[in-house]
Amino acid sequence: MKEQGPQQDFLFGKINYIILLIGIGVIALGFILMSGGGSDDPNVYSDAIFNFRRIRLAPTTVLIGFGITVYAILKNPKKA
């Protein structure tokens, strides 16, 4: 018979990694929402950087993504 070595277990369960990837995706979406709004000419002022999407929605999306990733790290994979 073949001898089996020590079995390696992952630190997290499969569901933890799925939730973690979702959280990273939400964070990336928040940073994408935050981008843009600048002016091509540095001498021209653009008020577009102060709209709702860049000031409220994008940072809230990033914080929600961080919350999801923290949940994925703290979730116990052995509980149902």
N, C-alpha and C. Protein backbone atom coordinates (compact mmCIF):
# COMPACT_ATOMS: atom_id res chain seq x y z
N MET A 1 0.84 -1.19 0.00
CA MET A 1 0.00 0.00 0.00
C MET A 1 0.87 1.24 0.00
N LYS A 2 0.32 2.24 -0.59
CA LYS A 2 1.04 3.51 -0.67
C LYS A 2 0.81 4.33 0.59
N GLU A 3 1.88 4.86 1.10
CA GLU A 3 1.76 5.66 2.31
C GLU A 3 1.37 7.09 1.94
N GLN A 4 0.38 7.61 2.63
CA GLN A 4 -0.04 8.98 2.37
C GLN A 4 0.67 9.92 3.34
N GLY A 5 1.17 11.01 2.77
CA GLY A 5 1.84 12.00 3.59
C GLY A 5 0.80 12.86 4.30
N PRO A 6 1.28 13.85 5.01
CA PRO A 6 0.34 14.73 5.71
C PRO A 6 -0.53 15.48 4.70
N GLN A 7 -1.83 15.47 4.97
CA GLN A 7 -2.76 16.13 4.06
C GLN A 7 -2.74 17.63 4.32
N GLN A 8 -2.63 18.37 3.23
CA GLN A 8 -2.59 19.82 3.35
C GLN A 8 -3.99 20.37 3.24
N ASP A 9 -4.38 21.19 4.21
CA ASP A 9 -5.68 21.83 4.19
C ASP A 9 -5.49 23.30 3.87
N PHE A 10 -6.45 23.84 3.14
CA PHE A 10 -6.43 25.27 2.87
C PHE A 10 -6.84 26.02 4.12
N LEU A 11 -6.38 27.25 4.21
CA LEU A 11 -6.71 28.06 5.37
C LEU A 11 -8.19 28.40 5.41
N PHE A 12 -8.77 28.67 4.24
CA PHE A 12 -10.18 29.01 4.13
C PHE A 12 -10.91 27.94 3.33
N GLY A 13 -12.22 27.96 3.43
CA GLY A 13 -13.03 27.07 2.62
C GLY A 13 -13.31 27.70 1.26
N LYS A 14 -13.95 26.92 0.39
CA LYS A 14 -14.23 27.39 -0.96
C LYS A 14 -15.14 28.62 -0.93
N ILE A 15 -16.13 28.64 -0.04
CA ILE A 15 -17.05 29.77 0.04
C ILE A 15 -16.33 31.03 0.49
N ASN A 16 -15.33 30.89 1.34
CA ASN A 16 -14.54 32.05 1.77
C ASN A 16 -13.82 32.69 0.60
N TYR A 17 -13.24 31.87 -0.26
CA TYR A 17 -12.53 32.40 -1.42
C TYR A 17 -13.49 33.05 -2.41
N ILE A 18 -14.68 32.49 -2.56
CA ILE A 18 -15.67 33.09 -3.46
C ILE A 18 -16.10 34.45 -2.94
N ILE A 19 -16.40 34.52 -1.64
CA ILE A 19 -16.80 35.80 -1.04
C ILE A 19 -15.66 36.81 -1.12
N LEU A 20 -14.43 36.35 -0.93
CA LEU A 20 -13.26 37.22 -1.01
C LEU A 20 -13.11 37.80 -2.42
N LEU A 21 -13.30 36.98 -3.44
CA LEU A 21 -13.21 37.47 -4.82
C LEU A 21 -14.32 38.46 -5.13
N ILE A 22 -15.52 38.22 -4.59
CA ILE A 22 -16.61 39.18 -4.78
C ILE A 22 -16.25 40.51 -4.14
N GLY A 23 -15.69 40.47 -2.93
CA GLY A 23 -15.28 41.70 -2.25
C GLY A 23 -14.22 42.45 -3.02
N ILE A 24 -13.25 41.75 -3.57
CA ILE A 24 -12.21 42.40 -4.36
C ILE A 24 -12.81 43.02 -5.62
N GLY A 25 -13.78 42.34 -6.22
CA GLY A 25 -14.47 42.89 -7.38
C GLY A 25 -15.24 44.16 -7.06
N VAL A 26 -15.88 44.20 -5.89
CA VAL A 26 -16.62 45.39 -5.47
C VAL A 26 -15.66 46.55 -5.21
N ILE A 27 -14.51 46.26 -4.62
CA ILE A 27 -13.50 47.30 -4.39
C ILE A 27 -13.01 47.85 -5.72
N ALA A 28 -12.73 46.97 -6.67
CA ALA A 28 -12.28 47.41 -8.00
C ALA A 28 -13.35 48.26 -8.67
N LEU A 29 -14.61 47.87 -8.54
CA LEU A 29 -15.71 48.65 -9.11
C LEU A 29 -15.75 50.05 -8.49
N GLY A 30 -15.53 50.14 -7.19
CA GLY A 30 -15.51 51.44 -6.52
C GLY A 30 -14.40 52.33 -7.05
N PHE A 31 -13.23 51.78 -7.28
CA PHE A 31 -12.13 52.58 -7.81
C PHE A 31 -12.38 52.98 -9.26
N ILE A 32 -13.04 52.12 -10.02
CA ILE A 32 -13.39 52.48 -11.39
C ILE A 32 -14.40 53.62 -11.38
N LEU A 33 -15.37 53.56 -10.48
CA LEU A 33 -16.35 54.64 -10.37
C LEU A 33 -15.70 55.96 -9.95
N MET A 34 -14.61 55.87 -9.19
CA MET A 34 -13.93 57.06 -8.70
C MET A 34 -13.09 57.75 -9.77
N SER A 35 -12.75 57.04 -10.82
CA SER A 35 -11.83 57.59 -11.82
C SER A 35 -12.53 58.58 -12.74
N GLY A 36 -11.72 59.35 -13.44
CA GLY A 36 -12.22 60.31 -14.44
C GLY A 36 -12.63 61.63 -13.82
N GLY A 37 -13.26 62.46 -14.64
CA GLY A 37 -13.76 63.73 -14.16
C GLY A 37 -12.80 64.88 -14.26
N GLY A 38 -11.61 64.61 -14.72
CA GLY A 38 -10.62 65.67 -14.83
C GLY A 38 -10.74 66.41 -16.15
N SER A 39 -10.00 67.45 -16.26
CA SER A 39 -9.99 68.24 -17.49
C SER A 39 -8.72 67.92 -18.27
N ASP A 40 -8.82 67.95 -19.59
CA ASP A 40 -7.65 67.70 -20.42
C ASP A 40 -6.66 68.87 -20.36
N ASP A 41 -7.20 70.06 -20.19
CA ASP A 41 -6.38 71.26 -20.11
C ASP A 41 -6.19 71.62 -18.64
N PRO A 42 -4.95 71.67 -18.13
CA PRO A 42 -4.74 71.96 -16.71
C PRO A 42 -5.12 73.40 -16.32
N ASN A 43 -5.30 74.27 -17.28
CA ASN A 43 -5.68 75.65 -16.97
C ASN A 43 -7.19 75.84 -16.86
N VAL A 44 -7.96 74.81 -17.21
CA VAL A 44 -9.42 74.90 -17.17
C VAL A 44 -9.92 74.09 -15.98
N TYR A 45 -10.72 74.72 -15.14
CA TYR A 45 -11.29 74.07 -13.96
C TYR A 45 -12.51 73.24 -14.37
N SER A 46 -12.58 72.01 -13.92
CA SER A 46 -13.71 71.15 -14.20
C SER A 46 -14.43 70.82 -12.90
N ASP A 47 -15.71 71.11 -12.86
CA ASP A 47 -16.52 70.85 -11.67
C ASP A 47 -17.01 69.40 -11.61
N ALA A 48 -16.66 68.60 -12.63
CA ALA A 48 -17.16 67.22 -12.72
C ALA A 48 -16.56 66.31 -11.65
N ILE A 49 -15.46 66.72 -11.02
CA ILE A 49 -14.87 65.85 -9.99
C ILE A 49 -15.68 65.85 -8.70
N PHE A 50 -16.62 66.78 -8.57
CA PHE A 50 -17.40 66.88 -7.34
C PHE A 50 -18.82 66.36 -7.51
N ASN A 51 -19.06 65.48 -8.47
CA ASN A 51 -20.42 64.96 -8.63
C ASN A 51 -20.68 63.81 -7.66
N PHE A 52 -21.92 63.38 -7.60
CA PHE A 52 -22.36 62.36 -6.63
C PHE A 52 -21.59 61.05 -6.77
N ARG A 53 -21.32 60.65 -8.00
CA ARG A 53 -20.66 59.36 -8.24
C ARG A 53 -19.28 59.31 -7.61
N ARG A 54 -18.52 60.38 -7.73
CA ARG A 54 -17.14 60.36 -7.23
C ARG A 54 -17.02 60.71 -5.75
N ILE A 55 -17.97 61.47 -5.23
CA ILE A 55 -17.87 61.90 -3.84
C ILE A 55 -18.59 60.96 -2.88
N ARG A 56 -19.71 60.40 -3.26
CA ARG A 56 -20.50 59.56 -2.36
C ARG A 56 -20.53 58.09 -2.76
N LEU A 57 -20.87 57.82 -4.00
CA LEU A 57 -21.10 56.44 -4.43
C LEU A 57 -19.83 55.60 -4.45
N ALA A 58 -18.77 56.11 -5.04
CA ALA A 58 -17.54 55.33 -5.17
C ALA A 58 -16.88 55.01 -3.82
N PRO A 59 -16.70 55.99 -2.91
CA PRO A 59 -16.11 55.62 -1.62
C PRO A 59 -16.99 54.66 -0.81
N THR A 60 -18.31 54.82 -0.91
CA THR A 60 -19.20 53.89 -0.21
C THR A 60 -19.07 52.49 -0.78
N THR A 61 -18.93 52.37 -2.09
CA THR A 61 -18.75 51.08 -2.74
C THR A 61 -17.44 50.43 -2.29
N VAL A 62 -16.38 51.22 -2.20
CA VAL A 62 -15.09 50.68 -1.74
C VAL A 62 -15.20 50.20 -0.29
N LEU A 63 -15.85 50.96 0.57
CA LEU A 63 -16.00 50.55 1.98
C LEU A 63 -16.84 49.29 2.10
N ILE A 64 -17.89 49.17 1.29
CA ILE A 64 -18.69 47.95 1.29
C ILE A 64 -17.84 46.77 0.84
N GLY A 65 -16.99 46.97 -0.16
CA GLY A 65 -16.09 45.91 -0.62
C GLY A 65 -15.12 45.48 0.47
N PHE A 66 -14.59 46.45 1.22
CA PHE A 66 -13.71 46.09 2.34
C PHE A 66 -14.47 45.31 3.41
N GLY A 67 -15.72 45.69 3.65
CA GLY A 67 -16.54 44.96 4.61
C GLY A 67 -16.78 43.52 4.16
N ILE A 68 -17.02 43.33 2.87
CA ILE A 68 -17.23 41.98 2.34
C ILE A 68 -15.96 41.15 2.50
N THR A 69 -14.80 41.73 2.23
CA THR A 69 -13.56 40.96 2.36
C THR A 69 -13.26 40.61 3.82
N VAL A 70 -13.55 41.53 4.73
CA VAL A 70 -13.35 41.22 6.16
C VAL A 70 -14.29 40.10 6.58
N TYR A 71 -15.53 40.14 6.09
CA TYR A 71 -16.47 39.06 6.39
C TYR A 71 -15.95 37.72 5.86
N ALA A 72 -15.39 37.73 4.64
CA ALA A 72 -14.88 36.50 4.05
C ALA A 72 -13.71 35.94 4.86
N ILE A 73 -12.91 36.83 5.44
CA ILE A 73 -11.77 36.36 6.24
C ILE A 73 -12.24 35.80 7.59
N LEU A 74 -13.24 36.46 8.19
CA LEU A 74 -13.67 36.05 9.52
C LEU A 74 -14.69 34.92 9.52
N LYS A 75 -15.30 34.61 8.40
CA LYS A 75 -16.31 33.55 8.32
C LYS A 75 -15.66 32.20 8.58
N ASN A 76 -16.28 31.46 9.46
CA ASN A 76 -15.77 30.14 9.81
C ASN A 76 -16.23 29.13 8.75
N PRO A 77 -15.32 28.52 8.01
CA PRO A 77 -15.74 27.61 6.93
C PRO A 77 -16.30 26.28 7.45
N LYS A 78 -16.07 25.96 8.72
CA LYS A 78 -16.53 24.68 9.26
C LYS A 78 -17.98 24.74 9.70
N LYS A 79 -18.52 25.95 9.88
CA LYS A 79 -19.95 26.08 10.23
C LYS A 79 -20.78 26.12 8.96
N ALA A 80 -21.97 25.60 9.06
CA ALA A 80 -22.85 25.57 7.88
C ALA A 80 -23.43 26.92 7.57
